[in-house]
């Protein structure tokens, strides 16, 4: 499998550019190769990708929770962390 930025050849410069994903396989003497063009439907990032913990509704933590990156969470309605030991 390979991923190619057909716009400028640089996958790391612009996350909004489309990419082509190539896949190939062999079975016996038969070979097949396919590709698909993948493009973001929006230029706005999704909240779920910005947080270590995400929920559209309630978030309830009881006990210990260790997060290695932040921000810790984003919840649509309510966050109940109670007596949880939260470290990040």
PDB file of N, CA and C in Angstrom:
ATOM      1  N   UNK A   1       0.839  -1.150   0.000  1.00  0.00           N
ATOM      2  CA  UNK A   1       0.000   0.000   0.000  1.00  0.00           C
ATOM      3  C   UNK A   1       0.901   1.235   0.000  1.00  0.00           C
ATOM      4  N   UNK A   2       0.452   2.288  -0.668  1.00  0.00           N
ATOM      5  CA  UNK A   2       1.173   3.550  -0.655  1.00  0.00           C
ATOM      6  C   UNK A   2       0.171   4.699  -0.697  1.00  0.00           C
ATOM      7  N   UNK A   3       0.612   5.824  -0.181  1.00  0.00           N
ATOM      8  CA  UNK A   3      -0.216   7.034  -0.159  1.00  0.00           C
ATOM      9  C   UNK A   3       0.566   8.128  -0.861  1.00  0.00           C
ATOM     10  N   UNK A   4      -0.071   8.802  -1.830  1.00  0.00           N
ATOM     11  CA  UNK A   4       0.609   9.805  -2.646  1.00  0.00           C
ATOM     12  C   UNK A   4      -0.191  11.106  -2.638  1.00  0.00           C
ATOM     13  N   UNK A   5       0.514  12.208  -2.415  1.00  0.00           N
ATOM     14  CA  UNK A   5      -0.071  13.538  -2.550  1.00  0.00           C
ATOM     15  C   UNK A   5       0.118  13.948  -4.006  1.00  0.00           C
ATOM     16  N   UNK A   6      -0.955  13.893  -4.801  1.00  0.00           N
ATOM     17  CA  UNK A   6      -0.860  14.194  -6.227  1.00  0.00           C
ATOM     18  C   UNK A   6      -0.836  15.694  -6.511  1.00  0.00           C
ATOM     19  N   UNK A   7      -1.121  16.520  -5.512  1.00  0.00           N
ATOM     20  CA  UNK A   7      -1.130  17.974  -5.718  1.00  0.00           C
ATOM     21  C   UNK A   7       0.293  18.507  -5.803  1.00  0.00           C
ATOM     22  N   UNK A   8       1.114  18.214  -4.773  1.00  0.00           N
ATOM     23  CA  UNK A   8       2.475  18.740  -4.764  1.00  0.00           C
ATOM     24  C   UNK A   8       3.512  17.728  -4.276  1.00  0.00           C
ATOM     25  N   UNK A   9       3.105  16.484  -4.035  1.00  0.00           N
ATOM     26  CA  UNK A   9       4.038  15.453  -3.625  1.00  0.00           C
ATOM     27  C   UNK A   9       4.474  15.505  -2.172  1.00  0.00           C
ATOM     28  N   UNK A  10       3.919  16.429  -1.380  1.00  0.00           N
ATOM     29  CA  UNK A  10       4.325  16.596   0.018  1.00  0.00           C
ATOM     30  C   UNK A  10       3.138  16.281   0.920  1.00  0.00           C
ATOM     31  N   UNK A  11       3.191  15.150   1.614  1.00  0.00           N
ATOM     32  CA  UNK A  11       2.087  14.740   2.485  1.00  0.00           C
ATOM     33  C   UNK A  11       1.991  15.567   3.761  1.00  0.00           C
ATOM     34  N   UNK A  12       3.060  16.229   4.154  1.00  0.00           N
ATOM     35  CA  UNK A  12       3.060  16.907   5.453  1.00  0.00           C
ATOM     36  C   UNK A  12       2.788  18.401   5.392  1.00  0.00           C
ATOM     37  N   UNK A  13       2.600  18.990   4.220  1.00  0.00           N
ATOM     38  CA  UNK A  13       2.461  20.441   4.166  1.00  0.00           C
ATOM     39  C   UNK A  13       1.033  20.957   4.303  1.00  0.00           C
ATOM     40  N   UNK A  14       0.038  20.183   3.917  1.00  0.00           N
ATOM     41  CA  UNK A  14      -1.338  20.691   3.931  1.00  0.00           C
ATOM     42  C   UNK A  14      -2.318  19.540   4.161  1.00  0.00           C
ATOM     43  N   UNK A  15      -2.925  19.478   5.354  1.00  0.00           N
ATOM     44  CA  UNK A  15      -3.841  18.369   5.644  1.00  0.00           C
ATOM     45  C   UNK A  15      -5.161  18.436   4.873  1.00  0.00           C
ATOM     46  N   UNK A  16      -5.407  19.515   4.139  1.00  0.00           N
ATOM     47  CA  UNK A  16      -6.663  19.614   3.393  1.00  0.00           C
ATOM     48  C   UNK A  16      -6.524  19.144   1.947  1.00  0.00           C
ATOM     49  N   UNK A  17      -5.314  18.801   1.507  1.00  0.00           N
ATOM     50  CA  UNK A  17      -5.136  18.313   0.139  1.00  0.00           C
ATOM     51  C   UNK A  17      -5.569  16.852   0.029  1.00  0.00           C
ATOM     52  N   UNK A  18      -6.149  16.476  -1.112  1.00  0.00           N
ATOM     53  CA  UNK A  18      -6.526  15.071  -1.302  1.00  0.00           C
ATOM     54  C   UNK A  18      -5.282  14.192  -1.465  1.00  0.00           C
ATOM     55  N   UNK A  19      -5.421  12.925  -1.145  1.00  0.00           N
ATOM     56  CA  UNK A  19      -4.353  11.946  -1.336  1.00  0.00           C
ATOM     57  C   UNK A  19      -4.915  10.745  -2.089  1.00  0.00           C
ATOM     58  N   UNK A  20      -4.045  10.087  -2.834  1.00  0.00           N
ATOM     59  CA  UNK A  20      -4.440   8.856  -3.510  1.00  0.00           C
ATOM     60  C   UNK A  20      -3.820   7.694  -2.759  1.00  0.00           C
ATOM     61  N   UNK A  21      -4.660   6.707  -2.427  1.00  0.00           N
ATOM     62  CA  UNK A  21      -4.223   5.522  -1.700  1.00  0.00           C
ATOM     63  C   UNK A  21      -4.203   4.358  -2.686  1.00  0.00           C
ATOM     64  N   UNK A  22      -3.035   3.739  -2.825  1.00  0.00           N
ATOM     65  CA  UNK A  22      -2.852   2.621  -3.745  1.00  0.00           C
ATOM     66  C   UNK A  22      -2.704   1.325  -2.963  1.00  0.00           C
ATOM     67  N   UNK A  23      -3.313   0.269  -3.475  1.00  0.00           N
ATOM     68  CA  UNK A  23      -3.162  -1.060  -2.897  1.00  0.00           C
ATOM     69  C   UNK A  23      -3.046  -2.083  -4.014  1.00  0.00           C
ATOM     70  N   UNK A  24      -2.207  -3.088  -3.812  1.00  0.00           N
ATOM     71  CA  UNK A  24      -2.026  -4.134  -4.821  1.00  0.00           C
ATOM     72  C   UNK A  24      -1.894  -5.478  -4.125  1.00  0.00           C
ATOM     73  N   UNK A  25      -2.326  -6.529  -4.813  1.00  0.00           N
ATOM     74  CA  UNK A  25      -2.239  -7.875  -4.250  1.00  0.00           C
ATOM     75  C   UNK A  25      -2.079  -8.896  -5.376  1.00  0.00           C
ATOM     76  N   UNK A  26      -1.461 -10.007  -5.040  1.00  0.00           N
ATOM     77  CA  UNK A  26      -1.291 -11.124  -5.966  1.00  0.00           C
ATOM     78  C   UNK A  26      -1.887 -12.370  -5.351  1.00  0.00           C
ATOM     79  N   UNK A  27      -2.611 -13.135  -6.170  1.00  0.00           N
ATOM     80  CA  UNK A  27      -3.100 -14.447  -5.779  1.00  0.00           C
ATOM     81  C   UNK A  27      -2.761 -15.378  -6.940  1.00  0.00           C
ATOM     82  N   UNK A  28      -1.813 -16.259  -6.663  1.00  0.00           N
ATOM     83  CA  UNK A  28      -1.343 -17.123  -7.747  1.00  0.00           C
ATOM     84  C   UNK A  28      -0.707 -16.281  -8.841  1.00  0.00           C
ATOM     85  N   UNK A  29      -1.204 -16.430 -10.058  1.00  0.00           N
ATOM     86  CA  UNK A  29      -0.678 -15.660 -11.184  1.00  0.00           C
ATOM     87  C   UNK A  29      -1.497 -14.407 -11.468  1.00  0.00           C
ATOM     88  N   UNK A  30      -2.479 -14.148 -10.632  1.00  0.00           N
ATOM     89  CA  UNK A  30      -3.357 -13.004 -10.851  1.00  0.00           C
ATOM     90  C   UNK A  30      -2.923 -11.830  -9.980  1.00  0.00           C
ATOM     91  N   UNK A  31      -2.874 -10.658 -10.575  1.00  0.00           N
ATOM     92  CA  UNK A  31      -2.523  -9.431  -9.848  1.00  0.00           C
ATOM     93  C   UNK A  31      -3.654  -8.422  -9.998  1.00  0.00           C
ATOM     94  N   UNK A  32      -3.886  -7.691  -8.930  1.00  0.00           N
ATOM     95  CA  UNK A  32      -4.885  -6.620  -8.953  1.00  0.00           C
ATOM     96  C   UNK A  32      -4.294  -5.406  -8.255  1.00  0.00           C
ATOM     97  N   UNK A  33      -4.570  -4.242  -8.797  1.00  0.00           N
ATOM     98  CA  UNK A  33      -4.162  -2.985  -8.175  1.00  0.00           C
ATOM     99  C   UNK A  33      -5.366  -2.048  -8.198  1.00  0.00           C
ATOM    100  N   UNK A  34      -5.584  -1.393  -7.087  1.00  0.00           N
ATOM    101  CA  UNK A  34      -6.689  -0.456  -6.963  1.00  0.00           C
ATOM    102  C   UNK A  34      -6.172   0.841  -6.363  1.00  0.00           C
ATOM    103  N   UNK A  35      -6.884   1.911  -6.632  1.00  0.00           N
ATOM    104  CA  UNK A  35      -6.569   3.175  -5.972  1.00  0.00           C
ATOM    105  C   UNK A  35      -7.871   3.905  -5.675  1.00  0.00           C
ATOM    106  N   UNK A  36      -7.800   4.746  -4.673  1.00  0.00           N
ATOM    107  CA  UNK A  36      -8.948   5.567  -4.314  1.00  0.00           C
ATOM    108  C   UNK A  36      -8.427   6.956  -3.977  1.00  0.00           C
ATOM    109  N   UNK A  37      -9.157   7.982  -4.383  1.00  0.00           N
ATOM    110  CA  UNK A  37      -8.806   9.351  -4.054  1.00  0.00           C
ATOM    111  C   UNK A  37      -9.554   9.732  -2.785  1.00  0.00           C
ATOM    112  N   UNK A  38      -8.813  10.084  -1.760  1.00  0.00           N
ATOM    113  CA  UNK A  38      -9.420  10.461  -0.475  1.00  0.00           C
ATOM    114  C   UNK A  38      -9.211  11.955  -0.260  1.00  0.00           C
ATOM    115  N   UNK A  39     -10.304  12.642   0.040  1.00  0.00           N
ATOM    116  CA  UNK A  39     -10.238  14.088   0.265  1.00  0.00           C
ATOM    117  C   UNK A  39     -11.100  14.444   1.463  1.00  0.00           C
ATOM    118  N   UNK A  40     -10.641  15.382   2.281  1.00  0.00           N
ATOM    119  CA  UNK A  40     -11.453  15.796   3.430  1.00  0.00           C
ATOM    120  C   UNK A  40     -12.718  16.495   2.959  1.00  0.00           C
ATOM    121  N   UNK A  41     -13.798  16.298   3.692  1.00  0.00           N
ATOM    122  CA  UNK A  41     -15.060  16.942   3.329  1.00  0.00           C
ATOM    123  C   UNK A  41     -15.165  18.339   3.915  1.00  0.00           C
ATOM    124  N   UNK A  42     -14.194  18.708   4.758  1.00  0.00           N
ATOM    125  CA  UNK A  42     -14.216  20.018   5.401  1.00  0.00           C
ATOM    126  C   UNK A  42     -12.781  20.448   5.679  1.00  0.00           C
ATOM    127  N   UNK A  43     -12.561  21.744   5.772  1.00  0.00           N
ATOM    128  CA  UNK A  43     -11.239  22.246   6.138  1.00  0.00           C
ATOM    129  C   UNK A  43     -11.143  22.497   7.635  1.00  0.00           C
ATOM    130  N   UNK A  44     -12.216  22.219   8.365  1.00  0.00           N
ATOM    131  CA  UNK A  44     -12.246  22.398   9.816  1.00  0.00           C
ATOM    132  C   UNK A  44     -11.957  21.054  10.480  1.00  0.00           C
ATOM    133  N   UNK A  45     -11.005  21.018  11.398  1.00  0.00           N
ATOM    134  CA  UNK A  45     -10.669  19.784  12.103  1.00  0.00           C
ATOM    135  C   UNK A  45     -11.808  19.323  13.000  1.00  0.00           C
ATOM    136  N   UNK A  46     -11.860  18.036  13.255  1.00  0.00           N
ATOM    137  CA  UNK A  46     -12.890  17.469  14.113  1.00  0.00           C
ATOM    138  C   UNK A  46     -12.433  17.504  15.567  1.00  0.00           C
ATOM    139  N   UNK A  47     -13.313  17.900  16.497  1.00  0.00           N
ATOM    140  CA  UNK A  47     -12.981  17.955  17.915  1.00  0.00           C
ATOM    141  C   UNK A  47     -12.479  16.625  18.445  1.00  0.00           C
ATOM    142  N   UNK A  48     -13.022  15.532  17.934  1.00  0.00           N
ATOM    143  CA  UNK A  48     -12.641  14.205  18.424  1.00  0.00           C
ATOM    144  C   UNK A  48     -11.156  13.935  18.192  1.00  0.00           C
ATOM    145  N   UNK A  49     -10.549  14.555  17.196  1.00  0.00           N
ATOM    146  CA  UNK A  49      -9.133  14.344  16.916  1.00  0.00           C
ATOM    147  C   UNK A  49      -8.229  15.265  17.718  1.00  0.00           C
ATOM    148  N   UNK A  50      -8.801  16.238  18.416  1.00  0.00           N
ATOM    149  CA  UNK A  50      -8.014  17.196  19.184  1.00  0.00           C
ATOM    150  C   UNK A  50      -7.872  16.820  20.654  1.00  0.00           C
ATOM    151  N   UNK A  51      -8.579  15.819  21.110  1.00  0.00           N
ATOM    152  CA  UNK A  51      -8.626  15.492  22.534  1.00  0.00           C
ATOM    153  C   UNK A  51      -8.229  14.042  22.786  1.00  0.00           C
ATOM    154  N   UNK A  52      -7.631  13.826  23.952  1.00  0.00           N
ATOM    155  CA  UNK A  52      -7.292  12.460  24.349  1.00  0.00           C
ATOM    156  C   UNK A  52      -8.546  11.674  24.714  1.00  0.00           C
ATOM    157  N   UNK A  53      -9.584  12.371  25.160  1.00  0.00           N
ATOM    158  CA  UNK A  53     -10.853  11.752  25.540  1.00  0.00           C
ATOM    159  C   UNK A  53     -11.968  12.616  24.975  1.00  0.00           C
ATOM    160  N   UNK A  54     -12.906  12.011  24.262  1.00  0.00           N
ATOM    161  CA  UNK A  54     -13.994  12.780  23.666  1.00  0.00           C
ATOM    162  C   UNK A  54     -15.299  12.029  23.826  1.00  0.00           C
ATOM    163  N   UNK A  55     -16.355  12.775  24.130  1.00  0.00           N
ATOM    164  CA  UNK A  55     -17.698  12.199  24.180  1.00  0.00           C
ATOM    165  C   UNK A  55     -18.695  13.269  23.790  1.00  0.00           C
ATOM    166  N   UNK A  56     -19.678  12.908  23.025  1.00  0.00           N
ATOM    167  CA  UNK A  56     -20.712  13.850  22.652  1.00  0.00           C
ATOM    168  C   UNK A  56     -21.693  14.065  23.801  1.00  0.00           C
ATOM    169  N   UNK A  57     -21.676  13.155  24.779  1.00  0.00           N
ATOM    170  CA  UNK A  57     -22.575  13.253  25.927  1.00  0.00           C
ATOM    171  C   UNK A  57     -21.805  13.346  27.225  1.00  0.00           C
ATOM    172  N   UNK A  58     -22.231  12.587  28.207  1.00  0.00           N
ATOM    173  CA  UNK A  58     -21.627  12.641  29.540  1.00  0.00           C
ATOM    174  C   UNK A  58     -20.294  11.892  29.594  1.00  0.00           C
ATOM    175  N   UNK A  59     -19.381  12.424  30.414  1.00  0.00           N
ATOM    176  CA  UNK A  59     -18.116  11.756  30.709  1.00  0.00           C
ATOM    177  C   UNK A  59     -18.052  11.595  32.216  1.00  0.00           C
ATOM    178  N   UNK A  60     -17.978  10.364  32.694  1.00  0.00           N
ATOM    179  CA  UNK A  60     -17.892  10.095  34.122  1.00  0.00           C
ATOM    180  C   UNK A  60     -16.659   9.240  34.373  1.00  0.00           C
ATOM    181  N   UNK A  61     -15.784   9.718  35.273  1.00  0.00           N
ATOM    182  CA  UNK A  61     -14.573   8.981  35.613  1.00  0.00           C
ATOM    183  C   UNK A  61     -14.574   8.736  37.108  1.00  0.00           C
ATOM    184  N   UNK A  62     -14.395   7.487  37.500  1.00  0.00           N
ATOM    185  CA  UNK A  62     -14.232   7.173  38.916  1.00  0.00           C
ATOM    186  C   UNK A  62     -13.006   6.293  39.031  1.00  0.00           C
ATOM    187  N   UNK A  63     -12.082   6.685  39.883  1.00  0.00           N
ATOM    188  CA  UNK A  63     -10.817   5.961  39.985  1.00  0.00           C
ATOM    189  C   UNK A  63      -9.719   6.764  39.336  1.00  0.00           C
ATOM    190  N   UNK A  64      -8.694   6.082  38.851  1.00  0.00           N
ATOM    191  CA  UNK A  64      -7.544   6.749  38.258  1.00  0.00           C
ATOM    192  C   UNK A  64      -7.676   6.819  36.744  1.00  0.00           C
ATOM    193  N   UNK A  65      -7.218   7.927  36.194  1.00  0.00           N
ATOM    194  CA  UNK A  65      -7.156   8.091  34.745  1.00  0.00           C
ATOM    195  C   UNK A  65      -5.851   8.789  34.424  1.00  0.00           C
ATOM    196  N   UNK A  66      -5.026   8.186  33.584  1.00  0.00           N
ATOM    197  CA  UNK A  66      -3.759   8.787  33.186  1.00  0.00           C
ATOM    198  C   UNK A  66      -3.830   9.078  31.699  1.00  0.00           C
ATOM    199  N   UNK A  67      -3.572  10.325  31.340  1.00  0.00           N
ATOM    200  CA  UNK A  67      -3.617  10.751  29.948  1.00  0.00           C
ATOM    201  C   UNK A  67      -2.244  11.279  29.585  1.00  0.00           C
ATOM    202  N   UNK A  68      -1.688  10.828  28.466  1.00  0.00           N
ATOM    203  CA  UNK A  68      -0.336  11.234  28.102  1.00  0.00           C
ATOM    204  C   UNK A  68      -0.302  12.450  27.192  1.00  0.00           C
ATOM    205  N   UNK A  69      -1.440  12.967  26.800  1.00  0.00           N
ATOM    206  CA  UNK A  69      -1.483  14.160  25.957  1.00  0.00           C
ATOM    207  C   UNK A  69      -2.733  14.956  26.296  1.00  0.00           C
ATOM    208  N   UNK A  70      -2.760  16.190  25.960  1.00  0.00           N
ATOM    209  CA  UNK A  70      -3.905  17.020  26.276  1.00  0.00           C
ATOM    210  C   UNK A  70      -4.397  17.709  25.030  1.00  0.00           C
ATOM    211  N   UNK A  71      -5.493  18.437  25.072  1.00  0.00           N
ATOM    212  CA  UNK A  71      -6.292  18.614  26.278  1.00  0.00           C
ATOM    213  C   UNK A  71      -6.954  17.302  26.695  1.00  0.00           C
ATOM    214  N   UNK A  72      -7.337  17.244  27.958  1.00  0.00           N
ATOM    215  CA  UNK A  72      -7.861  15.996  28.512  1.00  0.00           C
ATOM    216  C   UNK A  72      -9.153  15.569  27.833  1.00  0.00           C
ATOM    217  N   UNK A  73     -10.143  16.450  27.804  1.00  0.00           N
ATOM    218  CA  UNK A  73     -11.422  15.997  27.259  1.00  0.00           C
ATOM    219  C   UNK A  73     -12.228  17.145  26.699  1.00  0.00           C
ATOM    220  N   UNK A  74     -13.232  16.759  25.926  1.00  0.00           N
ATOM    221  CA  UNK A  74     -14.221  17.671  25.408  1.00  0.00           C
ATOM    222  C   UNK A  74     -15.528  16.899  25.398  1.00  0.00           C
ATOM    223  N   UNK A  75     -16.505  17.396  26.122  1.00  0.00           N
ATOM    224  CA  UNK A  75     -17.783  16.683  26.201  1.00  0.00           C
ATOM    225  C   UNK A  75     -18.899  17.631  25.815  1.00  0.00           C
ATOM    226  N   UNK A  76     -19.854  17.106  25.085  1.00  0.00           N
ATOM    227  CA  UNK A  76     -20.950  17.926  24.623  1.00  0.00           C
ATOM    228  C   UNK A  76     -21.854  18.447  25.718  1.00  0.00           C
ATOM    229  N   UNK A  77     -22.169  17.633  26.720  1.00  0.00           N
ATOM    230  CA  UNK A  77     -23.151  18.028  27.723  1.00  0.00           C
ATOM    231  C   UNK A  77     -22.560  18.229  29.109  1.00  0.00           C
ATOM    232  N   UNK A  78     -21.878  17.236  29.641  1.00  0.00           N
ATOM    233  CA  UNK A  78     -21.512  17.269  31.054  1.00  0.00           C
ATOM    234  C   UNK A  78     -20.235  16.473  31.279  1.00  0.00           C
ATOM    235  N   UNK A  79     -19.413  16.943  32.217  1.00  0.00           N
ATOM    236  CA  UNK A  79     -18.227  16.206  32.626  1.00  0.00           C
ATOM    237  C   UNK A  79     -18.275  16.037  34.128  1.00  0.00           C
ATOM    238  N   UNK A  80     -18.237  14.805  34.600  1.00  0.00           N
ATOM    239  CA  UNK A  80     -18.232  14.520  36.030  1.00  0.00           C
ATOM    240  C   UNK A  80     -16.964  13.742  36.341  1.00  0.00           C
ATOM    241  N   UNK A  81     -16.003  14.439  36.956  1.00  0.00           N
ATOM    242  CA  UNK A  81     -14.735  13.795  37.245  1.00  0.00           C
ATOM    243  C   UNK A  81     -14.647  13.336  38.685  1.00  0.00           C
ATOM    244  N   UNK A  82     -15.571  13.780  39.552  1.00  0.00           N
ATOM    245  CA  UNK A  82     -15.650  13.311  40.927  1.00  0.00           C
ATOM    246  C   UNK A  82     -14.319  13.340  41.640  1.00  0.00           C
ATOM    247  N   UNK A  83     -13.967  12.245  42.293  1.00  0.00           N
ATOM    248  CA  UNK A  83     -12.723  12.166  43.043  1.00  0.00           C
ATOM    249  C   UNK A  83     -11.612  11.499  42.231  1.00  0.00           C
ATOM    250  N   UNK A  84     -11.724  11.516  40.922  1.00  0.00           N
ATOM    251  CA  UNK A  84     -10.744  10.864  40.061  1.00  0.00           C
ATOM    252  C   UNK A  84      -9.393  11.554  40.172  1.00  0.00           C
ATOM    253  N   UNK A  85      -8.345  10.769  40.088  1.00  0.00           N
ATOM    254  CA  UNK A  85      -6.968  11.256  40.089  1.00  0.00           C
ATOM    255  C   UNK A  85      -6.555  11.404  38.634  1.00  0.00           C
ATOM    256  N   UNK A  86      -6.626  12.616  38.105  1.00  0.00           N
ATOM    257  CA  UNK A  86      -6.350  12.865  36.703  1.00  0.00           C
ATOM    258  C   UNK A  86      -4.964  13.476  36.542  1.00  0.00           C
ATOM    259  N   UNK A  87      -4.113  12.839  35.736  1.00  0.00           N
ATOM    260  CA  UNK A  87      -2.773  13.347  35.500  1.00  0.00           C
ATOM    261  C   UNK A  87      -2.488  13.320  34.021  1.00  0.00           C
ATOM    262  N   UNK A  88      -1.899  14.396  33.510  1.00  0.00           N
ATOM    263  CA  UNK A  88      -1.435  14.416  32.125  1.00  0.00           C
ATOM    264  C   UNK A  88      -0.343  15.422  31.942  1.00  0.00           C
TER     265      UNK A  88
END
